[in-house]
């Protein structure tokens, strides 16, 4: 997806995946290694923010590219299990035309 919404959705999916990884590492240290919850405290908040960022960009991208409600639901559900949001983004990027939607202005001077 070459649209602005599509690029931001990719960034959100990557950030959400990285924050999931950080949260899982924090949980490992909290419950297995040192019994200290600082990793969960920090990455829990970061992941919460990235989760909201993912959902907002998902809605934006779905609107710009006129996705079906079913595709939007799958994208929302993909945000829940670890790392599935990034897989959804890669899957949908392959199936979305690489053209700029009509309601998103093209910036010809910038390219």
N, C-alpha and C. Protein backbone atom coordinates (compact mmCIF):
# COMPACT_ATOMS: atom_id res chain seq x y z
N UNK A 1 0.85 -1.17 0.00
CA UNK A 1 0.00 0.00 0.00
C UNK A 1 0.89 1.23 0.00
N UNK A 2 0.76 2.03 -1.01
CA UNK A 2 1.61 3.22 -1.11
C UNK A 2 0.92 4.46 -0.55
N UNK A 3 -0.28 4.34 -0.04
CA UNK A 3 -0.97 5.50 0.51
C UNK A 3 -0.35 5.89 1.85
N UNK A 4 -0.62 7.11 2.27
CA UNK A 4 -0.14 7.57 3.56
C UNK A 4 -0.73 6.72 4.68
N UNK A 5 -2.01 6.44 4.59
CA UNK A 5 -2.66 5.60 5.61
C UNK A 5 -2.02 4.21 5.65
N UNK A 6 -1.74 3.65 4.49
CA UNK A 6 -1.12 2.33 4.43
C UNK A 6 0.27 2.30 5.04
N UNK A 7 1.04 3.36 4.78
CA UNK A 7 2.38 3.45 5.38
C UNK A 7 2.29 3.57 6.89
N UNK A 8 1.40 4.40 7.39
CA UNK A 8 1.25 4.56 8.83
C UNK A 8 0.72 3.27 9.47
N UNK A 9 -0.12 2.56 8.75
CA UNK A 9 -0.61 1.28 9.27
C UNK A 9 0.55 0.28 9.39
N UNK A 10 1.45 0.28 8.42
CA UNK A 10 2.63 -0.58 8.48
C UNK A 10 3.49 -0.22 9.70
N UNK A 11 3.72 1.09 9.91
CA UNK A 11 4.50 1.53 11.07
C UNK A 11 3.83 1.08 12.37
N UNK A 12 2.51 1.22 12.42
CA UNK A 12 1.77 0.83 13.64
C UNK A 12 1.87 -0.66 13.88
N UNK A 13 1.76 -1.46 12.82
CA UNK A 13 1.85 -2.92 12.98
C UNK A 13 3.25 -3.33 13.46
N UNK A 14 4.28 -2.69 12.94
CA UNK A 14 5.64 -2.99 13.37
C UNK A 14 5.83 -2.58 14.83
N UNK A 15 5.39 -1.38 15.17
CA UNK A 15 5.55 -0.89 16.55
C UNK A 15 4.76 -1.75 17.53
N UNK A 16 3.57 -2.15 17.15
CA UNK A 16 2.75 -2.99 18.03
C UNK A 16 3.41 -4.36 18.23
N UNK A 17 4.02 -4.90 17.19
CA UNK A 17 4.71 -6.18 17.29
C UNK A 17 5.94 -6.07 18.20
N UNK A 18 6.71 -5.01 18.05
CA UNK A 18 7.89 -4.81 18.90
C UNK A 18 7.47 -4.64 20.36
N UNK A 19 6.40 -3.89 20.58
CA UNK A 19 5.95 -3.69 21.96
C UNK A 19 5.42 -4.99 22.56
N UNK A 20 4.80 -5.84 21.74
CA UNK A 20 4.36 -7.16 22.21
C UNK A 20 5.57 -7.97 22.66
N UNK A 21 6.63 -7.95 21.84
CA UNK A 21 7.84 -8.69 22.18
C UNK A 21 8.42 -8.18 23.50
N UNK A 22 8.47 -6.87 23.67
CA UNK A 22 8.96 -6.30 24.91
C UNK A 22 8.12 -6.70 26.10
N UNK A 23 6.82 -6.71 25.93
CA UNK A 23 5.92 -7.12 27.02
C UNK A 23 6.12 -8.59 27.37
N UNK A 24 6.28 -9.43 26.37
CA UNK A 24 6.51 -10.85 26.64
C UNK A 24 7.84 -11.08 27.36
N UNK A 25 8.88 -10.34 26.98
CA UNK A 25 10.16 -10.43 27.68
C UNK A 25 10.00 -9.95 29.12
N UNK A 26 9.28 -8.84 29.30
CA UNK A 26 9.02 -8.34 30.64
C UNK A 26 8.27 -9.35 31.50
N UNK A 27 7.30 -10.05 30.91
CA UNK A 27 6.55 -11.07 31.64
C UNK A 27 7.45 -12.25 31.99
N UNK A 28 8.35 -12.62 31.10
CA UNK A 28 9.29 -13.69 31.37
C UNK A 28 10.15 -13.36 32.59
N UNK A 29 10.68 -12.12 32.60
CA UNK A 29 11.50 -11.72 33.73
C UNK A 29 10.69 -11.60 35.02
N UNK A 30 9.45 -11.13 34.90
CA UNK A 30 8.62 -10.97 36.09
C UNK A 30 8.28 -12.32 36.74
N UNK A 31 7.88 -13.27 35.92
CA UNK A 31 7.36 -14.52 36.46
C UNK A 31 8.39 -15.65 36.55
N UNK A 32 9.48 -15.57 35.79
CA UNK A 32 10.44 -16.67 35.75
C UNK A 32 11.79 -16.29 36.37
N UNK A 33 12.36 -15.19 35.96
CA UNK A 33 13.75 -14.90 36.29
C UNK A 33 13.92 -14.16 37.62
N UNK A 34 13.48 -12.93 37.71
CA UNK A 34 13.81 -12.10 38.87
C UNK A 34 12.61 -11.70 39.73
N UNK A 35 11.42 -12.05 39.31
CA UNK A 35 10.21 -11.69 40.05
C UNK A 35 10.09 -10.18 40.26
N UNK A 36 10.51 -9.41 39.25
CA UNK A 36 10.45 -7.95 39.28
C UNK A 36 9.52 -7.50 38.15
N UNK A 37 8.60 -6.61 38.44
CA UNK A 37 7.60 -6.25 37.43
C UNK A 37 7.91 -4.97 36.66
N UNK A 38 9.13 -4.47 36.69
CA UNK A 38 9.45 -3.22 35.99
C UNK A 38 9.28 -3.36 34.48
N UNK A 39 9.65 -4.50 33.91
CA UNK A 39 9.49 -4.72 32.46
C UNK A 39 8.03 -4.71 32.06
N UNK A 40 7.19 -5.35 32.85
CA UNK A 40 5.75 -5.36 32.56
C UNK A 40 5.17 -3.97 32.76
N UNK A 41 5.64 -3.27 33.79
CA UNK A 41 5.18 -1.90 34.05
C UNK A 41 5.46 -1.00 32.85
N UNK A 42 6.70 -1.03 32.36
CA UNK A 42 7.09 -0.16 31.26
C UNK A 42 6.47 -0.63 29.94
N UNK A 43 6.70 -1.89 29.57
CA UNK A 43 6.23 -2.36 28.27
C UNK A 43 4.72 -2.53 28.21
N UNK A 44 4.09 -2.69 29.34
CA UNK A 44 2.63 -2.74 29.35
C UNK A 44 2.04 -1.42 28.89
N UNK A 45 2.60 -0.33 29.35
CA UNK A 45 2.13 0.99 28.94
C UNK A 45 2.48 1.30 27.49
N UNK A 46 3.69 0.93 27.11
CA UNK A 46 4.11 1.14 25.72
C UNK A 46 3.22 0.33 24.78
N UNK A 47 2.99 -0.93 25.14
CA UNK A 47 2.15 -1.78 24.30
C UNK A 47 0.72 -1.26 24.23
N UNK A 48 0.20 -0.77 25.34
CA UNK A 48 -1.14 -0.20 25.33
C UNK A 48 -1.26 0.95 24.34
N UNK A 49 -0.25 1.83 24.34
CA UNK A 49 -0.25 2.95 23.41
C UNK A 49 -0.13 2.48 21.96
N UNK A 50 0.73 1.48 21.72
CA UNK A 50 0.91 0.97 20.36
C UNK A 50 -0.33 0.21 19.88
N UNK A 51 -1.04 -0.42 20.80
CA UNK A 51 -2.29 -1.10 20.47
C UNK A 51 -3.33 -0.09 19.98
N UNK A 52 -3.45 1.02 20.69
CA UNK A 52 -4.38 2.07 20.28
C UNK A 52 -3.94 2.67 18.94
N UNK A 53 -2.64 2.91 18.77
CA UNK A 53 -2.09 3.42 17.51
C UNK A 53 -2.44 2.48 16.36
N UNK A 54 -2.29 1.17 16.57
CA UNK A 54 -2.63 0.17 15.56
C UNK A 54 -4.11 0.27 15.19
N UNK A 55 -4.98 0.32 16.20
CA UNK A 55 -6.42 0.35 15.93
C UNK A 55 -6.84 1.63 15.19
N UNK A 56 -6.26 2.76 15.57
CA UNK A 56 -6.60 4.02 14.90
C UNK A 56 -6.15 3.98 13.44
N UNK A 57 -4.93 3.52 13.19
CA UNK A 57 -4.45 3.46 11.80
C UNK A 57 -5.19 2.37 11.01
N UNK A 58 -5.63 1.32 11.68
CA UNK A 58 -6.45 0.29 11.02
C UNK A 58 -7.75 0.91 10.51
N UNK A 59 -8.42 1.67 11.36
CA UNK A 59 -9.68 2.32 10.95
C UNK A 59 -9.44 3.32 9.83
N UNK A 60 -8.37 4.08 9.93
CA UNK A 60 -8.03 5.06 8.89
C UNK A 60 -7.77 4.37 7.55
N UNK A 61 -6.95 3.34 7.58
CA UNK A 61 -6.61 2.61 6.35
C UNK A 61 -7.83 1.93 5.76
N UNK A 62 -8.66 1.34 6.61
CA UNK A 62 -9.88 0.68 6.12
C UNK A 62 -10.80 1.69 5.43
N UNK A 63 -10.89 2.88 5.98
CA UNK A 63 -11.75 3.91 5.37
C UNK A 63 -11.16 4.39 4.05
N UNK A 64 -9.86 4.68 4.03
CA UNK A 64 -9.22 5.19 2.82
C UNK A 64 -9.29 4.18 1.68
N UNK A 65 -9.05 2.90 1.99
CA UNK A 65 -9.02 1.87 0.96
C UNK A 65 -10.34 1.15 0.78
N UNK A 66 -11.35 1.61 1.50
CA UNK A 66 -12.71 1.06 1.38
C UNK A 66 -12.74 -0.45 1.60
N UNK A 67 -12.12 -0.88 2.70
CA UNK A 67 -12.14 -2.30 3.03
C UNK A 67 -13.53 -2.73 3.45
N UNK A 68 -13.80 -4.00 3.29
CA UNK A 68 -15.07 -4.56 3.75
C UNK A 68 -15.06 -4.60 5.29
N UNK A 69 -16.26 -4.70 5.85
CA UNK A 69 -16.37 -4.79 7.30
C UNK A 69 -15.69 -6.06 7.80
N UNK A 70 -15.76 -7.13 7.02
CA UNK A 70 -15.12 -8.40 7.42
C UNK A 70 -13.61 -8.23 7.51
N UNK A 71 -13.01 -7.55 6.54
CA UNK A 71 -11.56 -7.33 6.57
C UNK A 71 -11.17 -6.46 7.76
N UNK A 72 -12.00 -5.46 8.05
CA UNK A 72 -11.75 -4.61 9.21
C UNK A 72 -11.82 -5.43 10.50
N UNK A 73 -12.79 -6.31 10.62
CA UNK A 73 -12.91 -7.17 11.80
C UNK A 73 -11.71 -8.10 11.95
N UNK A 74 -11.26 -8.67 10.85
CA UNK A 74 -10.09 -9.55 10.89
C UNK A 74 -8.86 -8.76 11.34
N UNK A 75 -8.71 -7.54 10.84
CA UNK A 75 -7.60 -6.69 11.25
C UNK A 75 -7.66 -6.35 12.73
N UNK A 76 -8.85 -6.09 13.24
CA UNK A 76 -9.01 -5.82 14.66
C UNK A 76 -8.70 -7.05 15.51
N UNK A 77 -9.20 -8.20 15.07
CA UNK A 77 -8.94 -9.44 15.80
C UNK A 77 -7.46 -9.81 15.75
N UNK A 78 -6.78 -9.45 14.66
CA UNK A 78 -5.36 -9.77 14.52
C UNK A 78 -4.50 -8.98 15.50
N UNK A 79 -5.04 -7.92 16.07
CA UNK A 79 -4.26 -7.12 17.01
C UNK A 79 -4.17 -7.77 18.39
N UNK A 80 -4.94 -8.80 18.64
CA UNK A 80 -4.99 -9.39 19.98
C UNK A 80 -3.89 -10.43 20.22
N UNK A 81 -3.75 -11.46 19.38
CA UNK A 81 -2.64 -12.42 19.62
C UNK A 81 -1.29 -11.78 19.29
N UNK A 82 -0.26 -12.16 20.00
CA UNK A 82 1.07 -11.57 19.73
C UNK A 82 1.50 -11.78 18.27
N UNK A 83 1.99 -10.71 17.66
CA UNK A 83 2.62 -10.70 16.33
C UNK A 83 1.66 -10.88 15.16
N UNK A 84 0.39 -11.15 15.38
CA UNK A 84 -0.53 -11.39 14.28
C UNK A 84 -0.88 -10.10 13.53
N UNK A 85 -0.81 -8.96 14.21
CA UNK A 85 -1.08 -7.68 13.54
C UNK A 85 -0.13 -7.42 12.39
N UNK A 86 1.14 -7.75 12.59
CA UNK A 86 2.13 -7.57 11.52
C UNK A 86 1.87 -8.54 10.37
N UNK A 87 1.50 -9.75 10.69
CA UNK A 87 1.17 -10.72 9.63
C UNK A 87 -0.05 -10.25 8.84
N UNK A 88 -1.05 -9.70 9.54
CA UNK A 88 -2.22 -9.17 8.84
C UNK A 88 -1.82 -8.03 7.92
N UNK A 89 -0.97 -7.13 8.41
CA UNK A 89 -0.53 -6.00 7.58
C UNK A 89 0.16 -6.48 6.32
N UNK A 90 1.05 -7.47 6.44
CA UNK A 90 1.74 -8.01 5.27
C UNK A 90 0.75 -8.67 4.31
N UNK A 91 -0.21 -9.39 4.87
CA UNK A 91 -1.21 -10.08 4.05
C UNK A 91 -2.05 -9.07 3.27
N UNK A 92 -2.54 -8.05 3.95
CA UNK A 92 -3.41 -7.08 3.31
C UNK A 92 -2.63 -6.18 2.34
N UNK A 93 -1.36 -5.93 2.61
CA UNK A 93 -0.54 -5.11 1.70
C UNK A 93 -0.39 -5.79 0.34
N UNK A 94 -0.34 -7.11 0.34
CA UNK A 94 -0.23 -7.85 -0.93
C UNK A 94 -1.54 -7.85 -1.71
N UNK A 95 -2.64 -7.61 -1.02
CA UNK A 95 -3.95 -7.70 -1.66
C UNK A 95 -4.61 -6.34 -1.90
N UNK A 96 -3.91 -5.27 -1.57
CA UNK A 96 -4.45 -3.93 -1.78
C UNK A 96 -3.73 -3.30 -2.95
N UNK A 97 -4.47 -2.74 -3.88
CA UNK A 97 -3.82 -2.11 -5.05
C UNK A 97 -2.85 -1.03 -4.62
N UNK A 98 -1.79 -0.87 -5.38
CA UNK A 98 -0.73 0.08 -5.06
C UNK A 98 -1.00 1.45 -5.68
N UNK A 99 -2.25 1.87 -5.64
CA UNK A 99 -2.63 3.17 -6.17
C UNK A 99 -3.10 4.07 -5.04
N UNK A 100 -3.02 5.36 -5.28
CA UNK A 100 -3.47 6.32 -4.28
C UNK A 100 -4.97 6.45 -4.37
N UNK A 101 -5.69 6.24 -3.25
CA UNK A 101 -7.15 6.37 -3.29
C UNK A 101 -7.57 7.78 -3.66
N UNK A 102 -8.79 7.93 -4.18
CA UNK A 102 -9.28 9.20 -4.67
C UNK A 102 -9.38 10.26 -3.57
N UNK A 103 -9.72 9.89 -2.35
CA UNK A 103 -9.87 10.88 -1.29
C UNK A 103 -8.57 11.18 -0.55
N UNK A 104 -7.45 10.69 -1.04
CA UNK A 104 -6.15 11.02 -0.46
C UNK A 104 -5.36 11.78 -1.52
N UNK A 105 -5.03 13.04 -1.27
CA UNK A 105 -4.36 13.83 -2.30
C UNK A 105 -2.95 13.31 -2.61
N UNK A 106 -2.63 13.32 -3.87
CA UNK A 106 -1.28 12.92 -4.31
C UNK A 106 -0.35 14.12 -4.16
N UNK A 107 0.83 13.87 -3.69
CA UNK A 107 1.81 14.93 -3.52
C UNK A 107 2.88 14.72 -4.59
N UNK A 108 2.64 15.30 -5.74
CA UNK A 108 3.52 15.09 -6.89
C UNK A 108 4.83 15.84 -6.71
N UNK A 109 4.81 16.99 -6.08
CA UNK A 109 6.03 17.79 -5.94
C UNK A 109 7.03 17.16 -5.00
N UNK A 110 6.57 16.34 -4.08
CA UNK A 110 7.47 15.73 -3.10
C UNK A 110 8.25 14.56 -3.68
N UNK A 111 7.80 14.02 -4.78
CA UNK A 111 8.46 12.82 -5.35
C UNK A 111 9.22 13.19 -6.55
